[in-house]
Amino acid sequence: MTQTKLRFCRLCDIIDGIPDDIGEYADRLYSLLDEDERAGKELMDERLNVCGECEKNADGTCLECGCYCIIRSFAVSKHCPVDKW
């Protein structure tokens, strides 16, 4: 029997710094990226569509790495932890 390695959300330790509205938090993080590092709406939409169909997606949180899918999709240099994008 194969055991699944459980990962804990990296944000749990800083949860008090995250507003109730993750969209507000995401907007703030996106605005902090250098313009040339921002993925842009089209690329982000493509990435999030893939995440939306992924078995590792749990309500917008990646079970492979613990990140919010939307936030990982922001940066051009980021990639899917299971190589789907």
C-alpha atoms as a PDB file:
ATOM      1  CA  MET A   1       0.000   0.000   0.000  1.00  0.00           C
ATOM      2  CA  THR A   2       1.358   3.408  -0.990  1.00  0.00           C
ATOM      3  CA  GLN A   3       1.295   6.063   1.675  1.00  0.00           C
ATOM      4  CA  THR A   4       0.432   9.629   0.761  1.00  0.00           C
ATOM      5  CA  LYS A   5       2.773  12.235   2.172  1.00  0.00           C
ATOM      6  CA  LEU A   6       0.705  14.895   3.913  1.00  0.00           C
ATOM      7  CA  ARG A   7       1.814  18.489   3.694  1.00  0.00           C
ATOM      8  CA  PHE A   8       0.667  21.327   5.846  1.00  0.00           C
ATOM      9  CA  CYS A   9      -0.228  24.713   4.481  1.00  0.00           C
ATOM     10  CA  ARG A  10       2.780  27.005   4.582  1.00  0.00           C
ATOM     11  CA  LEU A  11       0.487  29.872   5.435  1.00  0.00           C
ATOM     12  CA  CYS A  12      -0.815  28.393   8.695  1.00  0.00           C
ATOM     13  CA  ASP A  13       1.878  30.180  10.694  1.00  0.00           C
ATOM     14  CA  ILE A  14       0.973  33.558   9.223  1.00  0.00           C
ATOM     15  CA  ILE A  15      -2.789  33.103   8.986  1.00  0.00           C
ATOM     16  CA  ASP A  16      -3.445  36.161  11.172  1.00  0.00           C
ATOM     17  CA  GLY A  17      -1.856  38.365   8.504  1.00  0.00           C
ATOM     18  CA  ILE A  18      -4.217  37.151   5.790  1.00  0.00           C
ATOM     19  CA  PRO A  19      -7.517  39.010   5.460  1.00  0.00           C
ATOM     20  CA  ASP A  20     -10.823  37.145   5.450  1.00  0.00           C
ATOM     21  CA  ASP A  21     -11.121  37.895   1.737  1.00  0.00           C
ATOM     22  CA  ILE A  22      -8.362  35.937  -0.036  1.00  0.00           C
ATOM     23  CA  GLY A  23      -9.062  37.992  -3.157  1.00  0.00           C
ATOM     24  CA  GLU A  24      -7.949  41.142  -1.349  1.00  0.00           C
ATOM     25  CA  TYR A  25      -4.789  39.400  -0.171  1.00  0.00           C
ATOM     26  CA  ALA A  26      -4.099  38.045  -3.666  1.00  0.00           C
ATOM     27  CA  ASP A  27      -4.565  41.479  -5.246  1.00  0.00           C
ATOM     28  CA  ARG A  28      -2.089  42.955  -2.800  1.00  0.00           C
ATOM     29  CA  LEU A  29       0.525  40.266  -3.505  1.00  0.00           C
ATOM     30  CA  TYR A  30       0.070  40.610  -7.276  1.00  0.00           C
ATOM     31  CA  SER A  31       0.617  44.356  -7.069  1.00  0.00           C
ATOM     32  CA  LEU A  32       3.932  43.779  -5.246  1.00  0.00           C
ATOM     33  CA  LEU A  33       5.394  41.732  -8.131  1.00  0.00           C
ATOM     34  CA  ASP A  34       7.645  43.479 -10.615  1.00  0.00           C
ATOM     35  CA  GLU A  35       5.659  44.101 -13.781  1.00  0.00           C
ATOM     36  CA  ASP A  36       7.861  41.807 -15.875  1.00  0.00           C
ATOM     37  CA  GLU A  37       7.293  38.980 -13.345  1.00  0.00           C
ATOM     38  CA  ARG A  38       3.470  39.212 -13.516  1.00  0.00           C
ATOM     39  CA  ALA A  39       1.922  36.340 -15.460  1.00  0.00           C
ATOM     40  CA  GLY A  40      -0.940  38.382 -16.917  1.00  0.00           C
ATOM     41  CA  LYS A  41      -4.624  37.500 -17.059  1.00  0.00           C
ATOM     42  CA  GLU A  42      -4.465  35.073 -20.007  1.00  0.00           C
ATOM     43  CA  LEU A  43      -1.629  32.971 -18.572  1.00  0.00           C
ATOM     44  CA  MET A  44      -3.168  33.023 -15.097  1.00  0.00           C
ATOM     45  CA  ASP A  45      -6.534  31.885 -16.508  1.00  0.00           C
ATOM     46  CA  GLU A  46      -4.837  29.017 -18.391  1.00  0.00           C
ATOM     47  CA  ARG A  47      -3.008  27.919 -15.260  1.00  0.00           C
ATOM     48  CA  LEU A  48      -6.087  28.146 -13.047  1.00  0.00           C
ATOM     49  CA  ASN A  49      -8.150  26.141 -15.544  1.00  0.00           C
ATOM     50  CA  VAL A  50      -5.579  23.353 -15.260  1.00  0.00           C
ATOM     51  CA  CYS A  51      -5.633  23.635 -11.469  1.00  0.00           C
ATOM     52  CA  GLY A  52      -9.423  23.538 -11.487  1.00  0.00           C
ATOM     53  CA  GLU A  53      -9.329  20.085 -13.094  1.00  0.00           C
ATOM     54  CA  CYS A  54      -6.482  18.758 -10.937  1.00  0.00           C
ATOM     55  CA  GLU A  55      -7.030  16.045  -8.338  1.00  0.00           C
ATOM     56  CA  LYS A  56      -4.539  17.850  -6.053  1.00  0.00           C
ATOM     57  CA  ASN A  57      -6.757  20.968  -5.865  1.00  0.00           C
ATOM     58  CA  ALA A  58      -8.740  21.260  -2.649  1.00  0.00           C
ATOM     59  CA  ASP A  59     -10.940  24.340  -2.858  1.00  0.00           C
ATOM     60  CA  GLY A  60      -8.143  26.439  -4.352  1.00  0.00           C
ATOM     61  CA  THR A  61      -5.310  25.055  -2.237  1.00  0.00           C
ATOM     62  CA  CYS A  62      -2.748  22.765  -3.841  1.00  0.00           C
ATOM     63  CA  LEU A  63      -2.405  19.591  -1.787  1.00  0.00           C
ATOM     64  CA  GLU A  64       1.014  18.932  -3.330  1.00  0.00           C
ATOM     65  CA  CYS A  65       2.735  22.115  -2.128  1.00  0.00           C
ATOM     66  CA  GLY A  66       0.233  23.837   0.178  1.00  0.00           C
ATOM     67  CA  CYS A  67       0.024  27.049  -1.850  1.00  0.00           C
ATOM     68  CA  TYR A  68      -3.109  28.847  -2.943  1.00  0.00           C
ATOM     69  CA  CYS A  69      -3.455  28.044  -6.655  1.00  0.00           C
ATOM     70  CA  ILE A  70      -4.327  31.623  -7.555  1.00  0.00           C
ATOM     71  CA  ILE A  71      -1.225  33.014  -5.865  1.00  0.00           C
ATOM     72  CA  ARG A  72       1.115  30.451  -7.461  1.00  0.00           C
ATOM     73  CA  SER A  73      -0.356  31.331 -10.868  1.00  0.00           C
ATOM     74  CA  PHE A  74       0.693  35.003 -10.557  1.00  0.00           C
ATOM     75  CA  ALA A  75       4.394  34.835 -11.313  1.00  0.00           C
ATOM     76  CA  VAL A  76       5.851  33.932 -14.694  1.00  0.00           C
ATOM     77  CA  SER A  77       8.708  32.093 -12.964  1.00  0.00           C
ATOM     78  CA  LYS A  78       6.460  29.829 -10.871  1.00  0.00           C
ATOM     79  CA  HIS A  79       5.438  26.385 -12.021  1.00  0.00           C
ATOM     80  CA  CYS A  80       3.028  23.635 -11.046  1.00  0.00           C
ATOM     81  CA  PRO A  81       4.567  21.311  -8.434  1.00  0.00           C
ATOM     82  CA  VAL A  82       3.326  18.282 -10.435  1.00  0.00           C
ATOM     83  CA  ASP A  83       4.432  19.745 -13.803  1.00  0.00           C
ATOM     84  CA  LYS A  84       0.978  20.357 -15.276  1.00  0.00           C
ATOM     85  CA  TRP A  85       1.956  23.927 -16.285  1.00  0.00           C
END
